[in-house]
C-alpha atoms as a PDB file:
ATOM      1  CA  UNK A   1     -15.848  28.527  30.480  1.00  0.00           C
ATOM      2  CA  UNK A   2     -17.239  24.999  30.722  1.00  0.00           C
ATOM      3  CA  UNK A   3     -19.434  25.343  27.585  1.00  0.00           C
ATOM      4  CA  UNK A   4     -16.433  26.494  25.511  1.00  0.00           C
ATOM      5  CA  UNK A   5     -14.387  23.497  26.615  1.00  0.00           C
ATOM      6  CA  UNK A   6     -17.239  21.101  25.782  1.00  0.00           C
ATOM      7  CA  UNK A   7     -17.646  22.656  22.308  1.00  0.00           C
ATOM      8  CA  UNK A   8     -13.918  22.367  21.595  1.00  0.00           C
ATOM      9  CA  UNK A   9     -13.910  18.734  22.691  1.00  0.00           C
ATOM     10  CA  UNK A  10     -16.905  17.980  20.459  1.00  0.00           C
ATOM     11  CA  UNK A  11     -15.209  19.601  17.447  1.00  0.00           C
ATOM     12  CA  UNK A  12     -12.001  17.617  18.022  1.00  0.00           C
ATOM     13  CA  UNK A  13     -13.942  14.356  18.349  1.00  0.00           C
ATOM     14  CA  UNK A  14     -15.861  15.049  15.140  1.00  0.00           C
ATOM     15  CA  UNK A  15     -12.642  15.821  13.254  1.00  0.00           C
ATOM     16  CA  UNK A  16     -11.019  12.601  14.486  1.00  0.00           C
ATOM     17  CA  UNK A  17     -14.044  10.547  13.474  1.00  0.00           C
ATOM     18  CA  UNK A  18     -13.976  12.087   9.992  1.00  0.00           C
ATOM     19  CA  UNK A  19     -10.282  11.238   9.550  1.00  0.00           C
ATOM     20  CA  UNK A  20     -10.892   7.607  10.542  1.00  0.00           C
ATOM     21  CA  UNK A  21     -13.767   7.288   8.076  1.00  0.00           C
ATOM     22  CA  UNK A  22     -11.731   8.517   5.113  1.00  0.00           C
ATOM     23  CA  UNK A  23      -8.351   6.800   4.666  1.00  0.00           C
ATOM     24  CA  UNK A  24      -5.671   8.930   3.082  1.00  0.00           C
ATOM     25  CA  UNK A  25      -4.212   8.212  -0.337  1.00  0.00           C
ATOM     26  CA  UNK A  26      -0.664   6.997  -0.932  1.00  0.00           C
ATOM     27  CA  UNK A  27       1.889   7.678  -3.678  1.00  0.00           C
ATOM     28  CA  UNK A  28       2.235   4.112  -4.995  1.00  0.00           C
ATOM     29  CA  UNK A  29       1.250   3.578  -8.640  1.00  0.00           C
ATOM     30  CA  UNK A  30      -0.005   0.349 -10.189  1.00  0.00           C
ATOM     31  CA  UNK A  31       0.511  -0.084 -13.934  1.00  0.00           C
ATOM     32  CA  UNK A  32      -2.376  -1.280 -16.113  1.00  0.00           C
ATOM     33  CA  UNK A  33      -0.554  -4.593 -16.695  1.00  0.00           C
ATOM     34  CA  UNK A  34      -0.108  -5.130 -12.945  1.00  0.00           C
ATOM     35  CA  UNK A  35      -3.740  -4.166 -12.250  1.00  0.00           C
ATOM     36  CA  UNK A  36      -4.914  -6.705 -14.854  1.00  0.00           C
ATOM     37  CA  UNK A  37      -2.779  -9.434 -13.256  1.00  0.00           C
ATOM     38  CA  UNK A  38      -4.102  -8.592  -9.775  1.00  0.00           C
ATOM     39  CA  UNK A  39      -7.689  -8.726 -11.092  1.00  0.00           C
ATOM     40  CA  UNK A  40      -6.988 -12.144 -12.661  1.00  0.00           C
ATOM     41  CA  UNK A  41      -5.520 -13.449  -9.393  1.00  0.00           C
ATOM     42  CA  UNK A  42      -8.502 -12.148  -7.424  1.00  0.00           C
ATOM     43  CA  UNK A  43     -10.866 -13.893  -9.847  1.00  0.00           C
ATOM     44  CA  UNK A  44      -8.941 -17.137  -9.282  1.00  0.00           C
ATOM     45  CA  UNK A  45      -9.384 -16.670  -5.531  1.00  0.00           C
ATOM     46  CA  UNK A  46     -13.114 -16.206  -6.078  1.00  0.00           C
ATOM     47  CA  UNK A  47     -13.304 -13.400  -3.531  1.00  0.00           C
ATOM     48  CA  UNK A  48     -14.269  -9.779  -3.969  1.00  0.00           C
ATOM     49  CA  UNK A  49     -13.341  -8.657  -0.440  1.00  0.00           C
ATOM     50  CA  UNK A  50      -9.556  -8.739  -0.921  1.00  0.00           C
ATOM     51  CA  UNK A  51      -7.209  -5.839  -1.632  1.00  0.00           C
ATOM     52  CA  UNK A  52      -3.534  -5.760  -2.577  1.00  0.00           C
ATOM     53  CA  UNK A  53      -1.425  -4.778   0.417  1.00  0.00           C
ATOM     54  CA  UNK A  54       2.073  -3.394  -0.191  1.00  0.00           C
ATOM     55  CA  UNK A  55       4.389  -3.097   2.789  1.00  0.00           C
ATOM     56  CA  UNK A  56       8.021  -2.593   3.704  1.00  0.00           C
ATOM     57  CA  UNK A  57       9.452  -4.777   6.473  1.00  0.00           C
ATOM     58  CA  UNK A  58      12.892  -5.038   8.073  1.00  0.00           C
ATOM     59  CA  UNK A  59      14.890  -7.929   6.614  1.00  0.00           C
ATOM     60  CA  UNK A  60      16.967  -9.138   3.696  1.00  0.00           C
ATOM     61  CA  UNK A  61      20.642  -8.465   3.072  1.00  0.00           C
ATOM     62  CA  UNK A  62      20.159  -4.718   2.537  1.00  0.00           C
ATOM     63  CA  UNK A  63      17.863  -4.008   5.469  1.00  0.00           C
ATOM     64  CA  UNK A  64      14.328  -3.755   4.023  1.00  0.00           C
ATOM     65  CA  UNK A  65      12.135  -6.081   1.977  1.00  0.00           C
ATOM     66  CA  UNK A  66       8.902  -5.566   0.082  1.00  0.00           C
ATOM     67  CA  UNK A  67       5.787  -7.546   0.841  1.00  0.00           C
ATOM     68  CA  UNK A  68       2.869  -7.857  -1.569  1.00  0.00           C
ATOM     69  CA  UNK A  69      -0.108  -9.938  -0.543  1.00  0.00           C
ATOM     70  CA  UNK A  70      -3.884 -10.030  -0.559  1.00  0.00           C
ATOM     71  CA  UNK A  71      -5.547  -8.808   2.613  1.00  0.00           C
ATOM     72  CA  UNK A  72      -9.163  -8.610   3.653  1.00  0.00           C
ATOM     73  CA  UNK A  73      -8.426  -6.178   6.493  1.00  0.00           C
ATOM     74  CA  UNK A  74      -8.261  -2.409   6.436  1.00  0.00           C
ATOM     75  CA  UNK A  75      -6.197  -1.254   9.420  1.00  0.00           C
ATOM     76  CA  UNK A  76      -6.219   2.067  11.237  1.00  0.00           C
ATOM     77  CA  UNK A  77      -3.949   4.508   9.408  1.00  0.00           C
ATOM     78  CA  UNK A  78      -3.892   2.576   6.110  1.00  0.00           C
ATOM     79  CA  UNK A  79      -3.618   4.657   2.953  1.00  0.00           C
ATOM     80  CA  UNK A  80      -5.632   3.377   0.000  1.00  0.00           C
ATOM     81  CA  UNK A  81      -5.876   4.027  -3.702  1.00  0.00           C
ATOM     82  CA  UNK A  82      -8.094   2.456  -6.350  1.00  0.00           C
ATOM     83  CA  UNK A  83      -6.802   1.429  -9.768  1.00  0.00           C
ATOM     84  CA  UNK A  84      -9.819   0.603 -11.930  1.00  0.00           C
ATOM     85  CA  UNK A  85     -11.351  -1.671  -9.298  1.00  0.00           C
ATOM     86  CA  UNK A  86      -8.099  -2.898  -7.722  1.00  0.00           C
ATOM     87  CA  UNK A  87      -7.641  -1.426  -4.257  1.00  0.00           C
ATOM     88  CA  UNK A  88      -4.012  -0.991  -3.217  1.00  0.00           C
ATOM     89  CA  UNK A  89      -3.395  -0.496   0.515  1.00  0.00           C
ATOM     90  CA  UNK A  90      -0.197   0.730   2.202  1.00  0.00           C
ATOM     91  CA  UNK A  91       0.225   0.822   5.992  1.00  0.00           C
ATOM     92  CA  UNK A  92       1.131   4.160   7.563  1.00  0.00           C
ATOM     93  CA  UNK A  93       4.686   3.073   8.425  1.00  0.00           C
ATOM     94  CA  UNK A  94       5.446   2.003   4.830  1.00  0.00           C
ATOM     95  CA  UNK A  95       3.995   5.086   3.085  1.00  0.00           C
ATOM     96  CA  UNK A  96       7.206   7.205   3.264  1.00  0.00           C
ATOM     97  CA  UNK A  97       9.365   4.324   1.968  1.00  0.00           C
ATOM     98  CA  UNK A  98       7.033   3.715  -0.989  1.00  0.00           C
ATOM     99  CA  UNK A  99       6.059   7.249  -2.025  1.00  0.00           C
ATOM    100  CA  UNK A 100       6.536   7.513  -5.793  1.00  0.00           C
ATOM    101  CA  UNK A 101       7.052   3.757  -6.266  1.00  0.00           C
ATOM    102  CA  UNK A 102       5.502   1.965  -9.229  1.00  0.00           C
ATOM    103  CA  UNK A 103       4.380  -1.673  -9.268  1.00  0.00           C
ATOM    104  CA  UNK A 104       4.459  -3.499 -12.588  1.00  0.00           C
ATOM    105  CA  UNK A 105       4.076  -7.096 -13.710  1.00  0.00           C
ATOM    106  CA  UNK A 106       6.667  -8.665 -15.982  1.00  0.00           C
ATOM    107  CA  UNK A 107       6.007 -11.828 -17.964  1.00  0.00           C
ATOM    108  CA  UNK A 108       8.965 -12.730 -20.121  1.00  0.00           C
ATOM    109  CA  UNK A 109      11.174 -15.736 -20.765  1.00  0.00           C
ATOM    110  CA  UNK A 110      13.669 -14.362 -18.247  1.00  0.00           C
ATOM    111  CA  UNK A 111      11.336 -13.295 -15.471  1.00  0.00           C
ATOM    112  CA  UNK A 112       7.753 -13.553 -14.337  1.00  0.00           C
ATOM    113  CA  UNK A 113       6.363 -11.622 -11.415  1.00  0.00           C
ATOM    114  CA  UNK A 114       5.650  -8.266  -9.879  1.00  0.00           C
ATOM    115  CA  UNK A 115       8.403  -5.658  -9.894  1.00  0.00           C
ATOM    116  CA  UNK A 116       8.674  -2.492  -7.822  1.00  0.00           C
ATOM    117  CA  UNK A 117      10.486   0.558  -9.120  1.00  0.00           C
ATOM    118  CA  UNK A 118      11.131   2.646  -6.018  1.00  0.00           C
ATOM    119  CA  UNK A 119      12.886   6.024  -6.288  1.00  0.00           C
ATOM    120  CA  UNK A 120      13.399   6.003  -2.486  1.00  0.00           C
ATOM    121  CA  UNK A 121      15.666   2.928  -2.574  1.00  0.00           C
ATOM    122  CA  UNK A 122      19.280   4.093  -2.523  1.00  0.00           C
ATOM    123  CA  UNK A 123      20.618   0.607  -3.242  1.00  0.00           C
ATOM    124  CA  UNK A 124      19.770  -3.077  -3.251  1.00  0.00           C
ATOM    125  CA  UNK A 125      21.487  -6.389  -2.694  1.00  0.00           C
ATOM    126  CA  UNK A 126      22.788  -8.638  -5.486  1.00  0.00           C
ATOM    127  CA  UNK A 127      19.733 -10.911  -5.308  1.00  0.00           C
ATOM    128  CA  UNK A 128      17.426  -7.899  -5.761  1.00  0.00           C
ATOM    129  CA  UNK A 129      15.056  -8.963  -2.979  1.00  0.00           C
ATOM    130  CA  UNK A 130      15.911  -6.248  -0.490  1.00  0.00           C
ATOM    131  CA  UNK A 131      16.857  -2.552  -0.497  1.00  0.00           C
ATOM    132  CA  UNK A 132      18.060   0.292   1.684  1.00  0.00           C
END
């Protein structure tokens, strides 16, 4: 019986190591315009080790807020996806809130900045900075 237990333990350990080595993908999309803007911002930073992190955090008037920022870290459980050289990372807690969301960049006389179209948001506050 002991050899069977050892073999099972070895198989489980190998499977866990494989999962850690290959992060899962997420359902967030990045438009070509947004990817171009991220690339331009990364060039301004002069660093090639940064990725765009998208997260959902408690806060705002409606309960949840989006966070977009550059991050050099890749954390355990992060889901990643590459958009023509722009790596977008979503933490495991934010993945369900952002599944199917699309990030775009708007540059008009009325507004300039990244926008997130999220089908999972059932409503937002008047300022548009938070959702539920």
